[in-house]
């Protein structure tokens, strides 16, 4: 089975929980690679 890549976008009005909540759940699944993206 191939892995799944999940991208969590970060926006100016996001709270920490908006990004960390999904990350905490998804990072526990071995076949999922979680990445945060934001504008530089």
PDB file of N, CA and C in Angstrom:
ATOM      1  N   UNK A   1       0.837  -1.185   0.000  1.00  0.00           N
ATOM      2  CA  UNK A   1       0.000   0.000   0.000  1.00  0.00           C
ATOM      3  C   UNK A   1       0.883   1.249   0.000  1.00  0.00           C
ATOM      4  N   UNK A   2       0.521   2.214  -0.821  1.00  0.00           N
ATOM      5  CA  UNK A   2       1.314   3.437  -0.873  1.00  0.00           C
ATOM      6  C   UNK A   2       0.835   4.416   0.186  1.00  0.00           C
ATOM      7  N   UNK A   3       1.723   5.297   0.577  1.00  0.00           N
ATOM      8  CA  UNK A   3       1.385   6.271   1.619  1.00  0.00           C
ATOM      9  C   UNK A   3       0.523   7.398   1.080  1.00  0.00           C
ATOM     10  N   UNK A   4      -0.077   8.092   1.980  1.00  0.00           N
ATOM     11  CA  UNK A   4      -0.934   9.226   1.654  1.00  0.00           C
ATOM     12  C   UNK A   4      -0.287  10.479   2.209  1.00  0.00           C
ATOM     13  N   UNK A   5      -0.221  11.530   1.394  1.00  0.00           N
ATOM     14  CA  UNK A   5       0.337  12.789   1.869  1.00  0.00           C
ATOM     15  C   UNK A   5      -0.808  13.750   2.137  1.00  0.00           C
ATOM     16  N   UNK A   6      -0.855  14.288   3.353  1.00  0.00           N
ATOM     17  CA  UNK A   6      -1.876  15.246   3.761  1.00  0.00           C
ATOM     18  C   UNK A   6      -1.180  16.576   4.006  1.00  0.00           C
ATOM     19  N   UNK A   7      -1.743  17.636   3.447  1.00  0.00           N
ATOM     20  CA  UNK A   7      -1.180  18.974   3.618  1.00  0.00           C
ATOM     21  C   UNK A   7      -2.143  19.799   4.454  1.00  0.00           C
ATOM     22  N   UNK A   8      -1.625  20.418   5.504  1.00  0.00           N
ATOM     23  CA  UNK A   8      -2.428  21.293   6.353  1.00  0.00           C
ATOM     24  C   UNK A   8      -1.994  22.728   6.054  1.00  0.00           C
ATOM     25  N   UNK A   9      -2.884  23.508   5.423  1.00  0.00           N
ATOM     26  CA  UNK A   9      -2.516  24.894   5.110  1.00  0.00           C
ATOM     27  C   UNK A   9      -2.594  25.771   6.353  1.00  0.00           C
ATOM     28  N   UNK A  10      -1.709  26.741   6.429  1.00  0.00           N
ATOM     29  CA  UNK A  10      -1.699  27.687   7.547  1.00  0.00           C
ATOM     30  C   UNK A  10      -2.063  29.072   7.024  1.00  0.00           C
ATOM     31  N   UNK A  11      -3.025  29.698   7.664  1.00  0.00           N
ATOM     32  CA  UNK A  11      -3.498  31.012   7.271  1.00  0.00           C
ATOM     33  C   UNK A  11      -3.329  31.977   8.434  1.00  0.00           C
ATOM     34  N   UNK A  12      -3.309  33.283   8.173  1.00  0.00           N
ATOM     35  CA  UNK A  12      -3.088  34.258   9.244  1.00  0.00           C
ATOM     36  C   UNK A  12      -4.070  34.151  10.419  1.00  0.00           C
ATOM     37  N   UNK A  13      -5.321  33.847  10.191  1.00  0.00           N
ATOM     38  CA  UNK A  13      -6.294  33.824  11.295  1.00  0.00           C
ATOM     39  C   UNK A  13      -6.479  32.441  11.911  1.00  0.00           C
ATOM     40  N   UNK A  14      -5.647  31.476  11.523  1.00  0.00           N
ATOM     41  CA  UNK A  14      -5.717  30.142  12.127  1.00  0.00           C
ATOM     42  C   UNK A  14      -5.236  30.214  13.569  1.00  0.00           C
ATOM     43  N   UNK A  15      -5.860  29.440  14.433  1.00  0.00           N
ATOM     44  CA  UNK A  15      -5.325  29.291  15.787  1.00  0.00           C
ATOM     45  C   UNK A  15      -4.419  28.068  15.771  1.00  0.00           C
ATOM     46  N   UNK A  16      -3.636  27.890  16.809  1.00  0.00           N
ATOM     47  CA  UNK A  16      -2.751  26.725  16.882  1.00  0.00           C
ATOM     48  C   UNK A  16      -3.555  25.429  16.802  1.00  0.00           C
ATOM     49  N   UNK A  17      -4.712  25.407  17.423  1.00  0.00           N
ATOM     50  CA  UNK A  17      -5.537  24.202  17.430  1.00  0.00           C
ATOM     51  C   UNK A  17      -6.042  23.831  16.035  1.00  0.00           C
ATOM     52  N   UNK A  18      -6.239  24.820  15.166  1.00  0.00           N
ATOM     53  CA  UNK A  18      -6.687  24.551  13.796  1.00  0.00           C
ATOM     54  C   UNK A  18      -5.687  23.685  13.035  1.00  0.00           C
ATOM     55  N   UNK A  19      -4.416  23.867  13.299  1.00  0.00           N
ATOM     56  CA  UNK A  19      -3.399  23.076  12.611  1.00  0.00           C
ATOM     57  C   UNK A  19      -2.928  21.868  13.396  1.00  0.00           C
ATOM     58  N   UNK A  20      -2.769  22.044  14.695  1.00  0.00           N
ATOM     59  CA  UNK A  20      -2.222  20.976  15.531  1.00  0.00           C
ATOM     60  C   UNK A  20      -3.243  19.864  15.771  1.00  0.00           C
ATOM     61  N   UNK A  21      -4.536  20.210  15.858  1.00  0.00           N
ATOM     62  CA  UNK A  21      -5.573  19.201  16.090  1.00  0.00           C
ATOM     63  C   UNK A  21      -5.569  18.103  15.037  1.00  0.00           C
ATOM     64  N   UNK A  22      -5.717  18.462  13.755  1.00  0.00           N
ATOM     65  CA  UNK A  22      -5.677  17.431  12.712  1.00  0.00           C
ATOM     66  C   UNK A  22      -4.324  16.705  12.654  1.00  0.00           C
ATOM     67  N   UNK A  23      -3.243  17.446  12.881  1.00  0.00           N
ATOM     68  CA  UNK A  23      -1.919  16.829  12.867  1.00  0.00           C
ATOM     69  C   UNK A  23      -1.804  15.734  13.921  1.00  0.00           C
ATOM     70  N   UNK A  24      -2.254  16.021  15.133  1.00  0.00           N
ATOM     71  CA  UNK A  24      -2.152  15.046  16.225  1.00  0.00           C
ATOM     72  C   UNK A  24      -2.895  13.754  15.912  1.00  0.00           C
ATOM     73  N   UNK A  25      -3.996  13.848  15.216  1.00  0.00           N
ATOM     74  CA  UNK A  25      -4.753  12.650  14.849  1.00  0.00           C
ATOM     75  C   UNK A  25      -4.080  11.922  13.689  1.00  0.00           C
ATOM     76  N   UNK A  26      -3.745  12.661  12.633  1.00  0.00           N
ATOM     77  CA  UNK A  26      -3.241  12.036  11.408  1.00  0.00           C
ATOM     78  C   UNK A  26      -1.819  11.502  11.536  1.00  0.00           C
ATOM     79  N   UNK A  27      -0.982  12.116  12.352  1.00  0.00           N
ATOM     80  CA  UNK A  27       0.414  11.681  12.450  1.00  0.00           C
ATOM     81  C   UNK A  27       0.544  10.310  13.104  1.00  0.00           C
ATOM     82  N   UNK A  28      -0.499   9.844  13.747  1.00  0.00           N
ATOM     83  CA  UNK A  28      -0.472   8.527  14.397  1.00  0.00           C
ATOM     84  C   UNK A  28      -0.709   7.378  13.416  1.00  0.00           C
ATOM     85  N   UNK A  29      -1.134   7.704  12.213  1.00  0.00           N
ATOM     86  CA  UNK A  29      -1.389   6.679  11.198  1.00  0.00           C
ATOM     87  C   UNK A  29      -0.108   6.509  10.383  1.00  0.00           C
ATOM     88  N   UNK A  30       0.505   5.322  10.435  1.00  0.00           N
ATOM     89  CA  UNK A  30       1.820   5.129   9.810  1.00  0.00           C
ATOM     90  C   UNK A  30       1.871   5.425   8.313  1.00  0.00           C
ATOM     91  N   UNK A  31       0.790   5.213   7.586  1.00  0.00           N
ATOM     92  CA  UNK A  31       0.833   5.385   6.128  1.00  0.00           C
ATOM     93  C   UNK A  31       0.548   6.826   5.692  1.00  0.00           C
ATOM     94  N   UNK A  32       0.401   7.747   6.628  1.00  0.00           N
ATOM     95  CA  UNK A  32       0.098   9.140   6.284  1.00  0.00           C
ATOM     96  C   UNK A  32       1.279  10.046   6.626  1.00  0.00           C
ATOM     97  N   UNK A  33       1.665  10.876   5.662  1.00  0.00           N
ATOM     98  CA  UNK A  33       2.724  11.864   5.849  1.00  0.00           C
ATOM     99  C   UNK A  33       2.054  13.233   5.909  1.00  0.00           C
ATOM    100  N   UNK A  34       2.178  13.919   7.037  1.00  0.00           N
ATOM    101  CA  UNK A  34       1.507  15.207   7.232  1.00  0.00           C
ATOM    102  C   UNK A  34       2.522  16.338   7.067  1.00  0.00           C
ATOM    103  N   UNK A  35       2.146  17.339   6.269  1.00  0.00           N
ATOM    104  CA  UNK A  35       3.021  18.487   6.010  1.00  0.00           C
ATOM    105  C   UNK A  35       2.230  19.771   6.233  1.00  0.00           C
ATOM    106  N   UNK A  36       2.856  20.758   6.852  1.00  0.00           N
ATOM    107  CA  UNK A  36       2.256  22.078   6.995  1.00  0.00           C
ATOM    108  C   UNK A  36       2.767  22.961   5.866  1.00  0.00           C
ATOM    109  N   UNK A  37       1.889  23.767   5.291  1.00  0.00           N
ATOM    110  CA  UNK A  37       2.308  24.720   4.251  1.00  0.00           C
ATOM    111  C   UNK A  37       1.776  26.101   4.598  1.00  0.00           C
ATOM    112  N   UNK A  38       2.554  27.101   4.269  1.00  0.00           N
ATOM    113  CA  UNK A  38       2.154  28.479   4.495  1.00  0.00           C
ATOM    114  C   UNK A  38       2.899  29.388   3.530  1.00  0.00           C
ATOM    115  N   UNK A  39       2.447  30.567   3.433  1.00  0.00           N
ATOM    116  CA  UNK A  39       3.084  31.540   2.551  1.00  0.00           C
ATOM    117  C   UNK A  39       4.310  32.109   3.241  1.00  0.00           C
ATOM    118  N   UNK A  40       5.373  32.289   2.469  1.00  0.00           N
ATOM    119  CA  UNK A  40       6.612  32.846   3.041  1.00  0.00           C
ATOM    120  C   UNK A  40       6.572  34.345   3.099  1.00  0.00           C
TER     121      UNK A  40
END
